[in-house]
Protein backbone atom coordinates (compact mmCIF):
# COMPACT_ATOMS: atom_id res chain seq x y z
CA UNK A 1 38.82 125.71 103.75
CA UNK A 2 42.02 124.83 101.97
CA UNK A 3 45.70 125.54 101.65
CA UNK A 4 47.36 124.46 98.42
CA UNK A 5 50.87 123.86 97.09
CA UNK A 6 52.14 124.52 93.60
CA UNK A 7 53.95 121.62 91.92
CA UNK A 8 57.21 123.55 92.33
CA UNK A 9 56.68 123.98 96.09
CA UNK A 10 55.75 120.32 96.50
CA UNK A 11 58.90 119.20 94.63
CA UNK A 12 61.10 121.47 96.75
CA UNK A 13 59.57 120.30 100.04
CA UNK A 14 59.79 116.63 99.00
CA UNK A 15 63.48 117.02 98.05
CA UNK A 16 64.27 118.80 101.30
CA UNK A 17 62.48 116.22 103.47
CA UNK A 18 64.27 113.45 101.58
CA UNK A 19 67.68 115.05 102.20
CA UNK A 20 66.73 115.70 105.81
CA UNK A 21 65.85 112.04 106.26
CA UNK A 22 62.69 112.60 108.30
CA UNK A 23 59.60 114.76 108.59
CA UNK A 24 55.93 114.61 107.70
CA UNK A 25 55.53 117.92 105.85
CA UNK A 26 55.47 121.66 106.52
CA UNK A 27 53.60 123.80 109.01
CA UNK A 28 52.24 127.08 107.69
CA UNK A 29 51.03 129.76 110.06
CA UNK A 30 51.09 133.47 110.84
CA UNK A 31 52.67 135.51 113.61
CA UNK A 32 52.17 139.10 114.71
CA UNK A 33 55.09 141.23 113.54
CA UNK A 34 56.27 143.83 111.05
CA UNK A 35 54.81 147.12 109.92
CA UNK A 36 51.61 145.61 108.47
CA UNK A 37 50.84 143.37 111.43
CA UNK A 38 51.16 139.73 110.29
CA UNK A 39 53.95 137.63 108.80
CA UNK A 40 53.97 134.08 107.47
CA UNK A 41 55.89 131.40 109.29
CA UNK A 42 56.88 128.17 107.62
CA UNK A 43 58.71 125.26 109.20
CA UNK A 44 59.37 121.61 108.51
CA UNK A 45 57.44 119.28 110.81
CA UNK A 46 58.51 115.96 112.31
CA UNK A 47 55.10 115.12 113.75
CA UNK A 48 51.64 116.62 113.64
CA UNK A 49 50.09 118.25 116.69
CA UNK A 50 46.61 117.00 117.64
CA UNK A 51 45.03 120.38 116.87
CA UNK A 52 46.64 120.78 113.42
CA UNK A 53 44.41 121.07 110.37
CA UNK A 54 46.06 118.87 107.73
CA UNK A 55 45.90 119.36 103.95
CA UNK A 56 47.65 117.24 101.36
CA UNK A 57 48.55 118.47 97.90
CA UNK A 58 50.83 116.79 95.34
CA UNK A 59 51.66 114.15 97.99
CA UNK A 60 52.92 116.70 100.55
CA UNK A 61 51.22 117.47 103.87
CA UNK A 62 50.63 121.07 104.93
CA UNK A 63 49.75 121.47 108.60
CA UNK A 64 48.04 124.63 109.86
CA UNK A 65 47.28 125.61 113.44
CA UNK A 66 43.59 126.50 113.87
CA UNK A 67 44.32 130.12 114.94
CA UNK A 68 46.15 130.81 111.67
CA UNK A 69 43.49 129.21 109.45
CA UNK A 70 41.28 132.33 109.30
CA UNK A 71 44.20 134.35 107.90
CA UNK A 72 45.52 131.85 105.36
CA UNK A 73 42.45 129.99 104.12
CA UNK A 74 42.72 129.76 100.33
CA UNK A 75 46.47 130.43 100.25
CA UNK A 76 48.68 128.76 97.65
CA UNK A 77 52.31 128.23 98.60
CA UNK A 78 54.66 128.47 95.63
CA UNK A 79 58.43 128.04 95.28
CA UNK A 80 60.01 130.37 92.73
CA UNK A 81 63.41 131.17 91.31
CA UNK A 82 64.02 134.76 90.23
CA UNK A 83 67.54 135.30 88.93
CA UNK A 84 69.91 134.15 91.65
CA UNK A 85 67.20 134.23 94.33
CA UNK A 86 64.83 131.44 95.22
CA UNK A 87 62.22 131.01 97.91
CA UNK A 88 58.63 130.48 98.88
CA UNK A 89 55.90 132.90 97.81
CA UNK A 90 52.49 133.10 99.39
CA UNK A 91 49.48 133.77 97.16
CA UNK A 92 46.84 134.66 99.74
CA UNK A 93 43.43 135.90 98.52
CA UNK A 94 42.77 137.35 102.00
CA UNK A 95 45.68 139.84 101.87
CA UNK A 96 44.57 143.46 101.63
CA UNK A 97 47.97 145.11 101.87
CA UNK A 98 51.69 144.31 102.12
CA UNK A 99 54.39 146.39 103.72
CA UNK A 100 57.05 147.94 101.51
CA UNK A 101 59.77 145.55 102.65
CA UNK A 102 57.58 142.53 101.84
CA UNK A 103 57.96 140.97 105.28
CA UNK A 104 54.43 141.45 106.59
CA UNK A 105 50.84 141.75 105.40
CA UNK A 106 47.40 142.88 106.54
CA UNK A 107 44.02 141.18 106.22
């Protein structure tokens, strides 16, 4: 079981936490929504919850709630710039389908 960060994602998260002045990492999870059923949720975390599964990659902690782990095990979180747009991309080997708008996925 693992969740990984690309070097680009780790740099972005580290810069943001530094500017923010506090935080221990990011929490990655899933929620039920959209036309395909599941969507990723990502938030900066000030402290870990006791039930969190914690991974560390490139010096950055990624916290995952146990319920989400089955859906995102093996996922790599990347941060990309495409033209004027930038943001996180999820490379999840468990995804079977994505909706047309790109907001949700199915396992």
